[in-house]
Amino acid sequence: MKVAAYQAPLLAGGTAEPIRRIQQSVRECEERRVSVLCCPEAILGGLADFSNNPGRFAIRTDDGQLASVLAPLASATVTSIVGFTELGPGGALYNAAAVFQRGQVAGLYRKIHPAIRRSVYIPGTEIPVFREGELIFGVVICNDSNYPDLARRIAAHGATALFIPTNNGLPNGRASLEVNTAARRTDIALATENRLWVIRADVAGRNRKLSCFGCSEIVDPQGNVVQKARLEQAALLVADVEIDGAAASFEH
């Protein structure tokens, strides 16, 4: 089974461009027979923590709005994991990722540790697992990967892959390759300690306010980094995952 991580360009929030670009990635995944595509954290609308109007691009999940927004990504063969800001009851905001499967929202993951210091997001509480064919997988978002107990709980539910939508965009001048080094160290530890494939999808590049080098990568259960994106460049990383633990082949 093939999985993919989309390192997306760091775009200004509030445009329709991310959906168009994800749609292109979905079509490429269809051609390359990829089953699960992971997109970055908050790829739709950007991170609310960096917005003067945090709820401006938030999407409701209880009235069909999210399914409508994601409709262009519908595919009979590709499940997409898409980060966005969720508008919950009473105006609460969640940093969420939707699992979009065969034209339907199959489930959500809400970030449990929204920020290292403080955030406008409300913490999530659930740690679901999902299935695509024979692959059982979990999702954690960015900073959540620094809490190993989440990955352990996902692995305990039979998951063999962990997808990590990430958005390491930082105010211009603060971006650092140390972020990439820390992500690499974390991904290898999560993979080897839990015997999981780890698939991280980050943003990359610059806009008027933010910069990011991009730390997207795919790590096998032995801790080998089998795919990594070039710095500051958009990319689609693809790996052929053998669920039974046998050797896997990789595409560039």
C-alpha atoms as a PDB file:
ATOM      1  CA  MET A   1       0.000   0.000   0.000  1.00  0.00           C
ATOM      2  CA  LYS A   2       1.311   3.438  -0.906  1.00  0.00           C
ATOM      3  CA  VAL A   3       1.102   6.465   1.369  1.00  0.00           C
ATOM      4  CA  ALA A   4       2.086  10.062   0.666  1.00  0.00           C
ATOM      5  CA  ALA A   5       3.023  13.289   2.432  1.00  0.00           C
ATOM      6  CA  TYR A   6       2.321  16.576   0.686  1.00  0.00           C
ATOM      7  CA  GLN A   7       4.768  19.355   1.568  1.00  0.00           C
ATOM      8  CA  ALA A   8       2.619  22.311   0.572  1.00  0.00           C
ATOM      9  CA  PRO A   9       3.761  25.852  -0.171  1.00  0.00           C
ATOM     10  CA  LEU A  10       3.242  28.287   2.672  1.00  0.00           C
ATOM     11  CA  LEU A  11       0.414  30.424   1.316  1.00  0.00           C
ATOM     12  CA  ALA A  12      -1.423  33.421   2.692  1.00  0.00           C
ATOM     13  CA  GLY A  13      -4.537  32.399   4.640  1.00  0.00           C
ATOM     14  CA  GLY A  14      -8.018  32.724   3.263  1.00  0.00           C
ATOM     15  CA  THR A  15      -7.599  31.818  -0.401  1.00  0.00           C
ATOM     16  CA  ALA A  16      -9.026  28.911  -2.385  1.00  0.00           C
ATOM     17  CA  GLU A  17      -5.547  28.033  -3.625  1.00  0.00           C
ATOM     18  CA  PRO A  18      -4.888  25.285  -1.037  1.00  0.00           C
ATOM     19  CA  ILE A  19      -7.910  23.242  -2.163  1.00  0.00           C
ATOM     20  CA  ARG A  20      -6.808  23.510  -5.783  1.00  0.00           C
ATOM     21  CA  ARG A  21      -3.294  22.382  -4.923  1.00  0.00           C
ATOM     22  CA  ILE A  22      -4.490  19.504  -2.737  1.00  0.00           C
ATOM     23  CA  GLN A  23      -6.815  18.435  -5.546  1.00  0.00           C
ATOM     24  CA  GLN A  24      -3.821  18.281  -7.890  1.00  0.00           C
ATOM     25  CA  SER A  25      -2.002  16.129  -5.338  1.00  0.00           C
ATOM     26  CA  VAL A  26      -5.021  13.816  -5.045  1.00  0.00           C
ATOM     27  CA  ARG A  27      -5.087  13.371  -8.818  1.00  0.00           C
ATOM     28  CA  GLU A  28      -1.357  12.583  -8.816  1.00  0.00           C
ATOM     29  CA  CYS A  29      -1.921  10.115  -5.981  1.00  0.00           C
ATOM     30  CA  GLU A  30      -4.622   8.418  -8.035  1.00  0.00           C
ATOM     31  CA  GLU A  31      -2.189   8.016 -10.917  1.00  0.00           C
ATOM     32  CA  ARG A  32       0.509   6.659  -8.611  1.00  0.00           C
ATOM     33  CA  ARG A  33      -1.938   4.389  -6.750  1.00  0.00           C
ATOM     34  CA  VAL A  34      -1.465   6.062  -3.389  1.00  0.00           C
ATOM     35  CA  SER A  35      -4.101   5.080  -0.826  1.00  0.00           C
ATOM     36  CA  VAL A  36      -3.591   7.721   1.910  1.00  0.00           C
ATOM     37  CA  LEU A  37      -2.435  11.308   1.408  1.00  0.00           C
ATOM     38  CA  CYS A  38      -1.407  13.439   4.400  1.00  0.00           C
ATOM     39  CA  CYS A  39      -1.578  17.235   4.065  1.00  0.00           C
ATOM     40  CA  PRO A  40      -0.189  19.833   6.491  1.00  0.00           C
ATOM     41  CA  GLU A  41      -1.755  21.194   9.632  1.00  0.00           C
ATOM     42  CA  ALA A  42      -4.152  24.095   8.991  1.00  0.00           C
ATOM     43  CA  ILE A  43      -3.507  23.945   5.254  1.00  0.00           C
ATOM     44  CA  LEU A  44      -7.011  25.370   4.852  1.00  0.00           C
ATOM     45  CA  GLY A  45      -6.984  28.950   6.104  1.00  0.00           C
ATOM     46  CA  GLY A  46      -3.732  28.859   8.051  1.00  0.00           C
ATOM     47  CA  LEU A  47      -3.155  28.721  11.790  1.00  0.00           C
ATOM     48  CA  ALA A  48      -5.623  30.800  13.770  1.00  0.00           C
ATOM     49  CA  ASP A  49      -2.898  31.599  16.298  1.00  0.00           C
ATOM     50  CA  PHE A  50      -1.281  33.893  13.720  1.00  0.00           C
ATOM     51  CA  SER A  51      -4.483  35.647  12.665  1.00  0.00           C
ATOM     52  CA  ASN A  52      -5.961  38.943  13.838  1.00  0.00           C
ATOM     53  CA  ASN A  53      -9.381  37.359  13.337  1.00  0.00           C
ATOM     54  CA  PRO A  54      -8.912  33.739  14.479  1.00  0.00           C
ATOM     55  CA  GLY A  55     -12.374  32.492  13.550  1.00  0.00           C
ATOM     56  CA  ARG A  56     -12.497  34.080  10.108  1.00  0.00           C
ATOM     57  CA  PHE A  57     -11.659  30.923   8.170  1.00  0.00           C
ATOM     58  CA  ALA A  58     -13.020  28.371  10.644  1.00  0.00           C
ATOM     59  CA  ILE A  59     -15.219  25.614   9.216  1.00  0.00           C
ATOM     60  CA  ARG A  60     -18.222  23.988  10.857  1.00  0.00           C
ATOM     61  CA  THR A  61     -18.388  20.208  10.956  1.00  0.00           C
ATOM     62  CA  ASP A  62     -21.981  19.704  12.114  1.00  0.00           C
ATOM     63  CA  ASP A  63     -23.884  21.176   9.155  1.00  0.00           C
ATOM     64  CA  GLY A  64     -22.226  19.803   6.034  1.00  0.00           C
ATOM     65  CA  GLN A  65     -19.924  22.789   5.530  1.00  0.00           C
ATOM     66  CA  LEU A  66     -16.726  20.766   5.866  1.00  0.00           C
ATOM     67  CA  ALA A  67     -17.889  18.095   3.425  1.00  0.00           C
ATOM     68  CA  SER A  68     -18.789  20.833   0.947  1.00  0.00           C
ATOM     69  CA  VAL A  69     -15.363  22.468   1.251  1.00  0.00           C
ATOM     70  CA  LEU A  70     -13.606  19.124   0.779  1.00  0.00           C
ATOM     71  CA  ALA A  71     -15.844  17.944  -2.085  1.00  0.00           C
ATOM     72  CA  PRO A  72     -13.251  18.732  -4.801  1.00  0.00           C
ATOM     73  CA  LEU A  73     -10.925  16.203  -3.136  1.00  0.00           C
ATOM     74  CA  ALA A  74     -13.360  13.302  -3.497  1.00  0.00           C
ATOM     75  CA  SER A  75     -11.691  10.154  -4.820  1.00  0.00           C
ATOM     76  CA  ALA A  76     -12.659   6.517  -5.104  1.00  0.00           C
ATOM     77  CA  THR A  77      -9.126   5.428  -4.222  1.00  0.00           C
ATOM     78  CA  VAL A  78      -7.377   8.167  -2.194  1.00  0.00           C
ATOM     79  CA  THR A  79      -8.120   8.994   1.446  1.00  0.00           C
ATOM     80  CA  SER A  80      -6.970  12.527   2.311  1.00  0.00           C
ATOM     81  CA  ILE A  81      -5.993  13.872   5.727  1.00  0.00           C
ATOM     82  CA  VAL A  82      -6.572  17.634   5.672  1.00  0.00           C
ATOM     83  CA  GLY A  83      -5.801  20.159   8.411  1.00  0.00           C
ATOM     84  CA  PHE A  84      -8.192  23.038   9.141  1.00  0.00           C
ATOM     85  CA  THR A  85      -9.618  25.202  11.918  1.00  0.00           C
ATOM     86  CA  GLU A  86     -12.900  23.800  13.192  1.00  0.00           C
ATOM     87  CA  LEU A  87     -15.662  26.058  14.485  1.00  0.00           C
ATOM     88  CA  GLY A  88     -17.284  24.247  17.377  1.00  0.00           C
ATOM     89  CA  PRO A  89     -20.217  24.988  19.680  1.00  0.00           C
ATOM     90  CA  GLY A  90     -20.260  28.433  21.225  1.00  0.00           C
ATOM     91  CA  GLY A  91     -17.548  29.677  18.890  1.00  0.00           C
ATOM     92  CA  ALA A  92     -14.883  27.327  20.239  1.00  0.00           C
ATOM     93  CA  LEU A  93     -12.003  26.741  17.836  1.00  0.00           C
ATOM     94  CA  TYR A  94     -10.223  23.410  17.374  1.00  0.00           C
ATOM     95  CA  ASN A  95      -7.072  22.688  15.438  1.00  0.00           C
ATOM     96  CA  ALA A  96      -8.395  19.686  13.546  1.00  0.00           C
ATOM     97  CA  ALA A  97      -7.636  17.223  10.773  1.00  0.00           C
ATOM     98  CA  ALA A  98     -10.354  15.626   8.688  1.00  0.00           C
ATOM     99  CA  VAL A  99     -10.071  12.123   7.264  1.00  0.00           C
ATOM    100  CA  PHE A 100     -11.854  12.462   3.907  1.00  0.00           C
ATOM    101  CA  GLN A 101     -12.676   9.095   2.415  1.00  0.00           C
ATOM    102  CA  ARG A 102     -14.631   8.389  -0.792  1.00  0.00           C
ATOM    103  CA  GLY A 103     -16.349  11.763  -0.714  1.00  0.00           C
ATOM    104  CA  GLN A 104     -17.310  11.594   2.965  1.00  0.00           C
ATOM    105  CA  VAL A 105     -15.807  12.908   6.199  1.00  0.00           C
ATOM    106  CA  ALA A 106     -14.924   9.604   7.846  1.00  0.00           C
ATOM    107  CA  GLY A 107     -13.746  11.215  11.065  1.00  0.00           C
ATOM    108  CA  LEU A 108     -11.861  14.004  12.789  1.00  0.00           C
ATOM    109  CA  TYR A 109      -8.837  14.361  15.000  1.00  0.00           C
ATOM    110  CA  ARG A 110      -8.607  17.450  17.213  1.00  0.00           C
ATOM    111  CA  LYS A 111      -5.154  18.522  18.363  1.00  0.00           C
ATOM    112  CA  ILE A 112      -4.730  17.654  22.030  1.00  0.00           C
ATOM    113  CA  HIS A 113      -1.743  19.922  22.729  1.00  0.00           C
ATOM    114  CA  PRO A 114      -2.512  23.055  20.674  1.00  0.00           C
ATOM    115  CA  ALA A 115       0.674  25.000  21.443  1.00  0.00           C
ATOM    116  CA  ILE A 116       3.853  24.890  23.428  1.00  0.00           C
ATOM    117  CA  ARG A 117       2.895  28.093  25.277  1.00  0.00           C
ATOM    118  CA  ARG A 118      -0.671  29.289  24.624  1.00  0.00           C
ATOM    119  CA  SER A 119      -3.190  29.094  21.826  1.00  0.00           C
ATOM    120  CA  VAL A 120      -6.642  30.259  20.747  1.00  0.00           C
ATOM    121  CA  TYR A 121      -7.481  26.596  20.130  1.00  0.00           C
ATOM    122  CA  ILE A 122      -9.381  24.412  22.595  1.00  0.00           C
ATOM    123  CA  PRO A 123      -7.617  21.070  23.281  1.00  0.00           C
ATOM    124  CA  GLY A 124      -9.146  17.944  21.819  1.00  0.00           C
ATOM    125  CA  THR A 125      -9.677  14.842  23.925  1.00  0.00           C
ATOM    126  CA  GLU A 126     -10.189  11.850  21.605  1.00  0.00           C
ATOM    127  CA  ILE A 127      -7.558   9.637  19.962  1.00  0.00           C
ATOM    128  CA  PRO A 128      -9.377   7.740  17.207  1.00  0.00           C
ATOM    129  CA  VAL A 129      -7.893   5.306  14.730  1.00  0.00           C
ATOM    130  CA  PHE A 130      -8.974   4.949  11.109  1.00  0.00           C
ATOM    131  CA  ARG A 131      -8.832   2.309   8.413  1.00  0.00           C
ATOM    132  CA  GLU A 132      -8.057   2.361   4.716  1.00  0.00           C
ATOM    133  CA  GLY A 133      -8.147  -1.156   3.329  1.00  0.00           C
ATOM    134  CA  GLU A 134      -5.761  -3.217   5.442  1.00  0.00           C
ATOM    135  CA  LEU A 135      -4.051  -0.151   6.887  1.00  0.00           C
ATOM    136  CA  ILE A 136      -5.031   0.962  10.381  1.00  0.00           C
ATOM    137  CA  PHE A 137      -3.668   4.405  11.153  1.00  0.00           C
ATOM    138  CA  GLY A 138      -3.781   7.246  13.618  1.00  0.00           C
ATOM    139  CA  VAL A 139      -3.321  10.998  13.360  1.00  0.00           C
ATOM    140  CA  VAL A 140      -1.626  13.476  15.677  1.00  0.00           C
ATOM    141  CA  ILE A 141      -1.022  17.119  14.834  1.00  0.00           C
ATOM    142  CA  CYS A 142       2.396  18.808  15.012  1.00  0.00           C
ATOM    143  CA  ASN A 143       3.129  19.517  18.714  1.00  0.00           C
ATOM    144  CA  ASP A 144       1.172  16.390  19.697  1.00  0.00           C
ATOM    145  CA  SER A 145       4.054  14.329  18.315  1.00  0.00           C
ATOM    146  CA  ASN A 146       6.151  15.541  21.262  1.00  0.00           C
ATOM    147  CA  TYR A 147       3.912  13.535  23.607  1.00  0.00           C
ATOM    148  CA  PRO A 148       4.883   9.860  23.094  1.00  0.00           C
ATOM    149  CA  ASP A 149       1.890   8.521  25.019  1.00  0.00           C
ATOM    150  CA  LEU A 150      -0.414   9.507  22.141  1.00  0.00           C
ATOM    151  CA  ALA A 151       1.511   7.378  19.647  1.00  0.00           C
ATOM    152  CA  ARG A 152       1.628   4.508  22.129  1.00  0.00           C
ATOM    153  CA  ARG A 153      -2.129   4.592  22.515  1.00  0.00           C
ATOM    154  CA  ILE A 154      -2.599   4.636  18.752  1.00  0.00           C
ATOM    155  CA  ALA A 155      -0.234   1.683  18.306  1.00  0.00           C
ATOM    156  CA  ALA A 156      -2.073  -0.190  21.063  1.00  0.00           C
ATOM    157  CA  HIS A 157      -5.213  -0.015  18.909  1.00  0.00           C
ATOM    158  CA  GLY A 158      -3.451  -1.927  16.141  1.00  0.00           C
ATOM    159  CA  ALA A 159      -2.250   0.986  14.015  1.00  0.00           C
ATOM    160  CA  THR A 160       0.779   0.460  11.791  1.00  0.00           C
ATOM    161  CA  ALA A 161       1.043   4.053  10.540  1.00  0.00           C
ATOM    162  CA  LEU A 162       1.003   7.453  12.199  1.00  0.00           C
ATOM    163  CA  PHE A 163       0.285  10.566  10.130  1.00  0.00           C
ATOM    164  CA  ILE A 164       1.460  13.940  11.471  1.00  0.00           C
ATOM    165  CA  PRO A 165      -0.021  17.039   9.785  1.00  0.00           C
ATOM    166  CA  THR A 166       2.433  19.793  10.715  1.00  0.00           C
ATOM    167  CA  ASN A 167       2.735  23.536  10.256  1.00  0.00           C
ATOM    168  CA  ASN A 168       6.092  24.888  11.354  1.00  0.00           C
ATOM    169  CA  GLY A 169       5.545  28.309   9.818  1.00  0.00           C
ATOM    170  CA  LEU A 170       7.107  30.875  12.151  1.00  0.00           C
ATOM    171  CA  PRO A 171       7.289  34.666  12.054  1.00  0.00           C
ATOM    172  CA  ASN A 172       9.874  35.781   9.497  1.00  0.00           C
ATOM    173  CA  GLY A 173      13.326  35.727  11.050  1.00  0.00           C
ATOM    174  CA  ARG A 174      12.492  32.965  13.529  1.00  0.00           C
ATOM    175  CA  ALA A 175      12.500  29.968  11.195  1.00  0.00           C
ATOM    176  CA  SER A 176      15.347  27.604  12.032  1.00  0.00           C
ATOM    177  CA  LEU A 177      16.722  24.285  10.852  1.00  0.00           C
ATOM    178  CA  GLU A 178      16.702  23.260  14.511  1.00  0.00           C
ATOM    179  CA  VAL A 179      12.962  22.693  14.047  1.00  0.00           C
ATOM    180  CA  ASN A 180      13.711  20.155  11.308  1.00  0.00           C
ATOM    181  CA  THR A 181      16.315  18.437  13.464  1.00  0.00           C
ATOM    182  CA  ALA A 182      13.861  18.140  16.347  1.00  0.00           C
ATOM    183  CA  ALA A 183      11.125  16.761  14.067  1.00  0.00           C
ATOM    184  CA  ARG A 184      13.516  14.168  12.624  1.00  0.00           C
ATOM    185  CA  ARG A 185      14.567  13.033  16.082  1.00  0.00           C
ATOM    186  CA  THR A 186      10.926  12.804  17.187  1.00  0.00           C
ATOM    187  CA  ASP A 187       9.794  10.882  14.112  1.00  0.00           C
ATOM    188  CA  ILE A 188      12.551   8.300  14.401  1.00  0.00           C
ATOM    189  CA  ALA A 189      11.796   7.782  18.092  1.00  0.00           C
ATOM    190  CA  LEU A 190       8.057   7.379  17.486  1.00  0.00           C
ATOM    191  CA  ALA A 191       8.685   4.934  14.650  1.00  0.00           C
ATOM    192  CA  THR A 192      11.145   2.694  16.458  1.00  0.00           C
ATOM    193  CA  GLU A 193       9.459   2.717  19.862  1.00  0.00           C
ATOM    194  CA  ASN A 194       6.045   1.834  18.443  1.00  0.00           C
ATOM    195  CA  ARG A 195       6.977  -0.105  15.281  1.00  0.00           C
ATOM    196  CA  LEU A 196       5.026   2.404  13.219  1.00  0.00           C
ATOM    197  CA  TRP A 197       5.456   4.063   9.877  1.00  0.00           C
ATOM    198  CA  VAL A 198       5.593   7.815  10.555  1.00  0.00           C
ATOM    199  CA  ILE A 199       4.438  10.169   7.812  1.00  0.00           C
ATOM    200  CA  ARG A 200       4.866  13.902   8.482  1.00  0.00           C
ATOM    201  CA  ALA A 201       3.568  16.629   6.148  1.00  0.00           C
ATOM    202  CA  ASP A 202       4.725  20.226   6.683  1.00  0.00           C
ATOM    203  CA  VAL A 203       4.448  23.533   4.814  1.00  0.00           C
ATOM    204  CA  ALA A 204       7.472  25.159   3.167  1.00  0.00           C
ATOM    205  CA  GLY A 205       8.498  28.549   1.879  1.00  0.00           C
ATOM    206  CA  ARG A 206       7.631  32.107   2.837  1.00  0.00           C
ATOM    207  CA  ASN A 207       4.777  34.569   2.780  1.00  0.00           C
ATOM    208  CA  ARG A 208       4.547  38.138   4.021  1.00  0.00           C
ATOM    209  CA  LYS A 209       4.479  37.095   7.682  1.00  0.00           C
ATOM    210  CA  LEU A 210       5.819  33.572   8.038  1.00  0.00           C
ATOM    211  CA  SER A 211       8.677  31.309   6.958  1.00  0.00           C
ATOM    212  CA  CYS A 212       9.206  27.547   7.056  1.00  0.00           C
ATOM    213  CA  PHE A 213      11.965  25.271   5.773  1.00  0.00           C
ATOM    214  CA  GLY A 214       9.658  22.226   5.660  1.00  0.00           C
ATOM    215  CA  CYS A 215      10.335  18.977   7.537  1.00  0.00           C
ATOM    216  CA  SER A 216       8.105  16.563   5.610  1.00  0.00           C
ATOM    217  CA  GLU A 217       9.373  12.991   5.664  1.00  0.00           C
ATOM    218  CA  ILE A 218       8.459   9.326   5.807  1.00  0.00           C
ATOM    219  CA  VAL A 219      10.162   7.084   8.369  1.00  0.00           C
ATOM    220  CA  ASP A 220       9.906   3.299   8.461  1.00  0.00           C
ATOM    221  CA  PRO A 221       9.407   1.239  11.657  1.00  0.00           C
ATOM    222  CA  GLN A 222      13.160   0.625  11.890  1.00  0.00           C
ATOM    223  CA  GLY A 223      13.815   4.360  12.035  1.00  0.00           C
ATOM    224  CA  ASN A 224      15.089   4.750   8.477  1.00  0.00           C
ATOM    225  CA  VAL A 225      14.175   8.052   6.808  1.00  0.00           C
ATOM    226  CA  VAL A 226      13.086   6.677   3.447  1.00  0.00           C
ATOM    227  CA  GLN A 227      11.744   9.948   2.053  1.00  0.00           C
ATOM    228  CA  LYS A 228      12.406  13.588   2.887  1.00  0.00           C
ATOM    229  CA  ALA A 229      11.482  16.807   1.126  1.00  0.00           C
ATOM    230  CA  ARG A 230      13.921  19.441  -0.040  1.00  0.00           C
ATOM    231  CA  LEU A 231      14.103  22.584   2.047  1.00  0.00           C
ATOM    232  CA  GLU A 232      11.613  25.336   1.198  1.00  0.00           C
ATOM    233  CA  GLN A 233      10.158  23.393  -1.739  1.00  0.00           C
ATOM    234  CA  ALA A 234       6.748  21.875  -2.321  1.00  0.00           C
ATOM    235  CA  ALA A 235       6.882  18.107  -2.805  1.00  0.00           C
ATOM    236  CA  LEU A 236       4.832  14.928  -2.832  1.00  0.00           C
ATOM    237  CA  LEU A 237       6.638  12.134  -1.007  1.00  0.00           C
ATOM    238  CA  VAL A 238       5.476   8.582  -1.704  1.00  0.00           C
ATOM    239  CA  ALA A 239       6.378   5.319  -0.002  1.00  0.00           C
ATOM    240  CA  ASP A 240       5.134   1.777  -0.620  1.00  0.00           C
ATOM    241  CA  VAL A 241       4.351   0.437   2.847  1.00  0.00           C
ATOM    242  CA  GLU A 242       4.288  -3.266   3.545  1.00  0.00           C
ATOM    243  CA  ILE A 243       1.795  -3.608   6.365  1.00  0.00           C
ATOM    244  CA  ASP A 244       3.054  -7.023   7.449  1.00  0.00           C
ATOM    245  CA  GLY A 245       6.466  -5.547   8.236  1.00  0.00           C
ATOM    246  CA  ALA A 246       8.263  -6.906   5.187  1.00  0.00           C
ATOM    247  CA  ALA A 247      10.716  -4.763   3.276  1.00  0.00           C
ATOM    248  CA  ALA A 248       9.137  -1.809   1.506  1.00  0.00           C
ATOM    249  CA  SER A 249       9.991  -0.140  -1.786  1.00  0.00           C
ATOM    250  CA  PHE A 250      10.140   3.602  -2.249  1.00  0.00           C
ATOM    251  CA  GLU A 251       9.434   6.106  -5.002  1.00  0.00           C
ATOM    252  CA  HIS A 252      11.099   9.453  -5.570  1.00  0.00           C
END
